Amino acid sequence: MKKCIMRLGMIVGGALFGSASVAILKTEDAKKAYTVCTAAVLRGKDSIMKTVSNLRENCGDIYEDAKDINEKRYAAAEKRALEEAKALIAEHEAQETEKKSK
């Protein structure tokens, strides 16, 4: 019986608390507080979006610069490989010429 009364008291207390909460949430002061909080969130969102835009632009610049660096490295590597191949061919031709003259 004691448990039933306790449960009933908790249910009634919860209902009263819920009703009071709804009444408090509907007041003009609460609406002003919600409005101020919402405005602050929107300002924060705008600030974050500006930061994200700047970050995206910087990342795009970094990506393009990195591609340019790699293209230059690949071109330099190809040039070195071509020069090495020409040197090997010239060396081989010199050896062949030397063999023929003997």
C-alpha atoms as a PDB file:
ATOM      1  CA  MET A   1       0.000   0.000   0.000  1.00  0.00           C
ATOM      2  CA  LYS A   2       2.822   2.340   0.836  1.00  0.00           C
ATOM      3  CA  LYS A   3       4.371   1.739  -2.597  1.00  0.00           C
ATOM      4  CA  CYS A   4       1.062   2.515  -4.312  1.00  0.00           C
ATOM      5  CA  ILE A   5       0.745   5.812  -2.482  1.00  0.00           C
ATOM      6  CA  MET A   6       4.345   6.683  -3.335  1.00  0.00           C
ATOM      7  CA  ARG A   7       3.797   5.874  -7.009  1.00  0.00           C
ATOM      8  CA  LEU A   8       0.585   7.835  -7.079  1.00  0.00           C
ATOM      9  CA  GLY A   9       2.343  10.771  -5.429  1.00  0.00           C
ATOM     10  CA  MET A  10       5.144  10.606  -8.014  1.00  0.00           C
ATOM     11  CA  ILE A  11       2.655  10.521 -10.874  1.00  0.00           C
ATOM     12  CA  VAL A  12       0.674  13.477  -9.504  1.00  0.00           C
ATOM     13  CA  GLY A  13       3.919  15.367  -8.795  1.00  0.00           C
ATOM     14  CA  GLY A  14       5.177  14.677 -12.319  1.00  0.00           C
ATOM     15  CA  ALA A  15       1.913  15.890 -13.826  1.00  0.00           C
ATOM     16  CA  LEU A  16       2.024  19.080 -11.767  1.00  0.00           C
ATOM     17  CA  PHE A  17       5.666  19.658 -12.645  1.00  0.00           C
ATOM     18  CA  GLY A  18       4.905  19.085 -16.334  1.00  0.00           C
ATOM     19  CA  SER A  19       1.947  21.471 -16.255  1.00  0.00           C
ATOM     20  CA  ALA A  20       3.991  24.120 -14.457  1.00  0.00           C
ATOM     21  CA  SER A  21       6.858  23.663 -16.917  1.00  0.00           C
ATOM     22  CA  VAL A  22       4.563  24.142 -19.899  1.00  0.00           C
ATOM     23  CA  ALA A  23       3.095  27.261 -18.320  1.00  0.00           C
ATOM     24  CA  ILE A  24       6.575  28.647 -17.631  1.00  0.00           C
ATOM     25  CA  LEU A  25       7.772  27.852 -21.164  1.00  0.00           C
ATOM     26  CA  LYS A  26       4.836  29.788 -22.635  1.00  0.00           C
ATOM     27  CA  THR A  27       5.600  33.032 -20.783  1.00  0.00           C
ATOM     28  CA  GLU A  28       6.776  36.143 -22.602  1.00  0.00           C
ATOM     29  CA  ASP A  29      10.093  36.138 -20.720  1.00  0.00           C
ATOM     30  CA  ALA A  30      10.787  32.569 -21.821  1.00  0.00           C
ATOM     31  CA  LYS A  31      10.018  33.465 -25.447  1.00  0.00           C
ATOM     32  CA  LYS A  32      12.458  36.392 -25.218  1.00  0.00           C
ATOM     33  CA  ALA A  33      15.112  34.063 -23.829  1.00  0.00           C
ATOM     34  CA  TYR A  34      14.529  31.580 -26.675  1.00  0.00           C
ATOM     35  CA  THR A  35      14.781  34.400 -29.199  1.00  0.00           C
ATOM     36  CA  VAL A  36      18.047  35.676 -27.742  1.00  0.00           C
ATOM     37  CA  CYS A  37      19.518  32.168 -27.644  1.00  0.00           C
ATOM     38  CA  THR A  38      18.418  31.476 -31.225  1.00  0.00           C
ATOM     39  CA  ALA A  39      19.979  34.750 -32.399  1.00  0.00           C
ATOM     40  CA  ALA A  40      23.257  33.800 -30.695  1.00  0.00           C
ATOM     41  CA  VAL A  41      23.214  30.389 -32.393  1.00  0.00           C
ATOM     42  CA  LEU A  42      22.608  32.025 -35.774  1.00  0.00           C
ATOM     43  CA  ARG A  43      25.509  34.438 -35.216  1.00  0.00           C
ATOM     44  CA  GLY A  44      27.701  31.494 -34.306  1.00  0.00           C
ATOM     45  CA  LYS A  45      26.607  29.656 -37.433  1.00  0.00           C
ATOM     46  CA  ASP A  46      27.485  32.660 -39.600  1.00  0.00           C
ATOM     47  CA  SER A  47      30.914  32.889 -38.013  1.00  0.00           C
ATOM     48  CA  ILE A  48      31.554  29.186 -38.503  1.00  0.00           C
ATOM     49  CA  MET A  49      30.423  29.325 -42.131  1.00  0.00           C
ATOM     50  CA  LYS A  50      32.861  32.197 -42.818  1.00  0.00           C
ATOM     51  CA  THR A  51      35.664  30.175 -41.277  1.00  0.00           C
ATOM     52  CA  VAL A  52      34.704  27.104 -43.309  1.00  0.00           C
ATOM     53  CA  SER A  53      34.655  29.169 -46.521  1.00  0.00           C
ATOM     54  CA  ASN A  54      38.119  30.572 -45.798  1.00  0.00           C
ATOM     55  CA  LEU A  55      39.415  27.109 -44.985  1.00  0.00           C
ATOM     56  CA  ARG A  56      38.016  25.695 -48.235  1.00  0.00           C
ATOM     57  CA  GLU A  57      39.631  28.472 -50.251  1.00  0.00           C
ATOM     58  CA  ASN A  58      42.973  27.914 -48.538  1.00  0.00           C
ATOM     59  CA  CYS A  59      42.757  24.168 -49.066  1.00  0.00           C
ATOM     60  CA  GLY A  60      42.033  24.732 -52.753  1.00  0.00           C
ATOM     61  CA  ASP A  61      45.086  26.991 -53.055  1.00  0.00           C
ATOM     62  CA  ILE A  62      47.270  24.475 -51.227  1.00  0.00           C
ATOM     63  CA  TYR A  63      46.033  21.659 -53.477  1.00  0.00           C
ATOM     64  CA  GLU A  64      46.777  23.603 -56.660  1.00  0.00           C
ATOM     65  CA  ASP A  65      50.250  24.579 -55.389  1.00  0.00           C
ATOM     66  CA  ALA A  66      50.972  20.958 -54.499  1.00  0.00           C
ATOM     67  CA  LYS A  67      49.944  19.834 -57.995  1.00  0.00           C
ATOM     68  CA  ASP A  68      52.291  22.433 -59.519  1.00  0.00           C
ATOM     69  CA  ILE A  69      55.179  21.265 -57.337  1.00  0.00           C
ATOM     70  CA  ASN A  70      54.615  17.643 -58.336  1.00  0.00           C
ATOM     71  CA  GLU A  71      54.398  18.511 -62.038  1.00  0.00           C
ATOM     72  CA  LYS A  72      57.732  20.339 -61.803  1.00  0.00           C
ATOM     73  CA  ARG A  73      59.314  17.388 -59.990  1.00  0.00           C
ATOM     74  CA  TYR A  74      58.006  14.917 -62.559  1.00  0.00           C
ATOM     75  CA  ALA A  75      59.314  17.099 -65.406  1.00  0.00           C
ATOM     76  CA  ALA A  76      62.718  17.373 -63.737  1.00  0.00           C
ATOM     77  CA  ALA A  77      62.830  13.610 -63.172  1.00  0.00           C
ATOM     78  CA  GLU A  78      61.968  12.962 -66.830  1.00  0.00           C
ATOM     79  CA  LYS A  79      64.676  15.390 -67.946  1.00  0.00           C
ATOM     80  CA  ARG A  80      67.265  13.667 -65.728  1.00  0.00           C
ATOM     81  CA  ALA A  81      66.208  10.246 -67.009  1.00  0.00           C
ATOM     82  CA  LEU A  82      66.505  11.460 -70.624  1.00  0.00           C
ATOM     83  CA  GLU A  83      69.967  12.929 -69.977  1.00  0.00           C
ATOM     84  CA  GLU A  84      71.092   9.700 -68.286  1.00  0.00           C
ATOM     85  CA  ALA A  85      69.796   7.664 -71.223  1.00  0.00           C
ATOM     86  CA  LYS A  86      71.629   9.929 -73.695  1.00  0.00           C
ATOM     87  CA  ALA A  87      74.825   9.580 -71.647  1.00  0.00           C
ATOM     88  CA  LEU A  88      74.485   5.789 -71.615  1.00  0.00           C
ATOM     89  CA  ILE A  89      73.905   5.724 -75.373  1.00  0.00           C
ATOM     90  CA  ALA A  90      76.915   7.968 -75.973  1.00  0.00           C
ATOM     91  CA  GLU A  91      79.048   5.775 -73.702  1.00  0.00           C
ATOM     92  CA  HIS A  92      77.864   2.638 -75.461  1.00  0.00           C
ATOM     93  CA  GLU A  93      78.581   4.175 -78.887  1.00  0.00           C
ATOM     94  CA  ALA A  94      82.049   5.187 -77.714  1.00  0.00           C
ATOM     95  CA  GLN A  95      82.736   1.644 -76.551  1.00  0.00           C
ATOM     96  CA  GLU A  96      81.504   0.224 -79.859  1.00  0.00           C
ATOM     97  CA  THR A  97      83.659   2.656 -81.800  1.00  0.00           C
ATOM     98  CA  GLU A  98      86.644   1.737 -79.658  1.00  0.00           C
ATOM     99  CA  LYS A  99      86.025  -1.999 -80.241  1.00  0.00           C
ATOM    100  CA  LYS A 100      85.820  -1.469 -84.023  1.00  0.00           C
ATOM    101  CA  SER A 101      89.044   0.513 -84.147  1.00  0.00           C
ATOM    102  CA  LYS A 102      90.994  -2.276 -82.427  1.00  0.00           C
END
